[in-house]
């Protein structure tokens, strides 16, 4: 579970970096890459939350702490993805991501 949380954080940070590069240099490939990174981060967090749900009774507070961290990471990745989708002019997808958060 901790590895999934760390991987999700790393992928989110990479996505944020790609988005900042897009803002500075205007490369559309950076925008596409950052959206892919944010989707990957959300998938990793979903995997983490599934593991936490299974281990919640066994691990107690550790599982709950990781669940809260995972939800915060998922919200951050979803917000950044929504901003990137807005820049791609995919407004309906953007709004659905903001509604997820």
Protein backbone atom coordinates (compact mmCIF):
# COMPACT_ATOMS: atom_id res chain seq x y z
CA UNK A 1 0.00 0.00 0.00
CA UNK A 2 2.78 2.42 0.83
CA UNK A 3 4.44 1.71 -2.50
CA UNK A 4 1.21 2.53 -4.36
CA UNK A 5 0.92 5.77 -2.41
CA UNK A 6 4.51 6.74 -3.22
CA UNK A 7 4.10 5.81 -6.89
CA UNK A 8 0.90 7.84 -7.12
CA UNK A 9 2.64 10.84 -5.59
CA UNK A 10 5.61 10.52 -7.93
CA UNK A 11 3.41 10.23 -11.02
CA UNK A 12 1.36 13.24 -9.88
CA UNK A 13 4.52 15.29 -9.40
CA UNK A 14 5.71 14.27 -12.86
CA UNK A 15 2.35 15.34 -14.29
CA UNK A 16 2.57 18.72 -12.56
CA UNK A 17 6.07 19.18 -14.00
CA UNK A 18 4.82 18.30 -17.48
CA UNK A 19 2.00 20.83 -17.10
CA UNK A 20 4.42 23.56 -16.01
CA UNK A 21 6.59 22.74 -19.05
CA UNK A 22 3.50 23.08 -21.26
CA UNK A 23 2.79 26.50 -19.74
CA UNK A 24 6.38 27.65 -20.30
CA UNK A 25 7.07 26.17 -23.72
CA UNK A 26 3.61 25.56 -25.17
CA UNK A 27 4.36 21.97 -26.26
CA UNK A 28 1.12 20.05 -26.70
CA UNK A 29 2.95 16.77 -26.08
CA UNK A 30 3.66 17.92 -22.52
CA UNK A 31 -0.05 18.55 -22.01
CA UNK A 32 -0.95 15.09 -23.30
CA UNK A 33 1.73 13.51 -21.11
CA UNK A 34 0.56 15.30 -17.98
CA UNK A 35 -3.05 14.14 -18.51
CA UNK A 36 -1.79 10.57 -18.90
CA UNK A 37 0.24 10.94 -15.69
CA UNK A 38 -2.76 12.23 -13.75
CA UNK A 39 -4.92 9.35 -15.03
CA UNK A 40 -2.20 6.91 -13.97
CA UNK A 41 -2.00 8.51 -10.53
CA UNK A 42 -5.78 8.20 -10.08
CA UNK A 43 -5.59 4.52 -11.11
CA UNK A 44 -2.82 3.87 -8.56
CA UNK A 45 -4.86 5.54 -5.83
CA UNK A 46 -7.90 3.44 -6.76
CA UNK A 47 -5.72 0.34 -6.39
CA UNK A 48 -4.51 1.62 -3.02
CA UNK A 49 -8.05 2.26 -1.82
CA UNK A 50 -9.08 -1.25 -2.82
CA UNK A 51 -6.18 -2.67 -0.79
CA UNK A 52 -7.02 -0.48 2.19
CA UNK A 53 -10.65 -1.60 2.08
CA UNK A 54 -9.52 -5.23 2.27
CA UNK A 55 -6.97 -4.62 5.05
CA UNK A 56 -8.94 -2.05 7.06
CA UNK A 57 -9.93 -4.43 9.86
CA UNK A 58 -6.45 -5.92 10.12
CA UNK A 59 -4.35 -2.72 10.12
CA UNK A 60 -6.70 -0.22 11.75
CA UNK A 61 -5.24 3.28 11.98
CA UNK A 62 -2.44 2.69 9.46
CA UNK A 63 -4.97 1.67 6.84
CA UNK A 64 -7.17 4.65 7.65
CA UNK A 65 -4.20 7.03 7.43
CA UNK A 66 -3.21 5.64 4.04
CA UNK A 67 -6.81 5.89 2.88
CA UNK A 68 -6.94 9.59 3.80
CA UNK A 69 -3.58 10.24 2.11
CA UNK A 70 -4.77 8.38 -0.98
CA UNK A 71 -7.99 10.38 -1.17
CA UNK A 72 -6.05 13.65 -0.84
CA UNK A 73 -3.65 12.55 -3.60
CA UNK A 74 -6.54 11.53 -5.84
CA UNK A 75 -8.23 14.90 -5.32
CA UNK A 76 -5.02 16.76 -6.17
CA UNK A 77 -4.40 14.69 -9.32
CA UNK A 78 -8.04 15.11 -10.42
CA UNK A 79 -7.88 18.90 -9.98
CA UNK A 80 -4.65 19.16 -11.97
CA UNK A 81 -6.11 16.90 -14.66
CA UNK A 82 -9.19 19.12 -14.86
CA UNK A 83 -7.00 22.18 -15.40
CA UNK A 84 -5.04 20.37 -18.12
CA UNK A 85 -8.28 19.27 -19.80
CA UNK A 86 -9.46 22.89 -19.74
CA UNK A 87 -6.30 23.92 -21.60
CA UNK A 88 -7.09 21.19 -24.17
CA UNK A 89 -10.56 22.70 -24.53
CA UNK A 90 -12.20 19.49 -23.31
CA UNK A 91 -14.66 21.35 -21.14
CA UNK A 92 -17.16 18.58 -20.40
CA UNK A 93 -14.39 16.22 -19.23
CA UNK A 94 -12.94 19.06 -17.17
CA UNK A 95 -16.21 19.66 -15.39
CA UNK A 96 -16.68 15.96 -14.65
CA UNK A 97 -13.20 15.83 -13.05
CA UNK A 98 -14.00 18.85 -10.88
CA UNK A 99 -17.25 17.17 -9.84
CA UNK A 100 -15.27 14.05 -8.81
CA UNK A 101 -13.32 16.10 -6.32
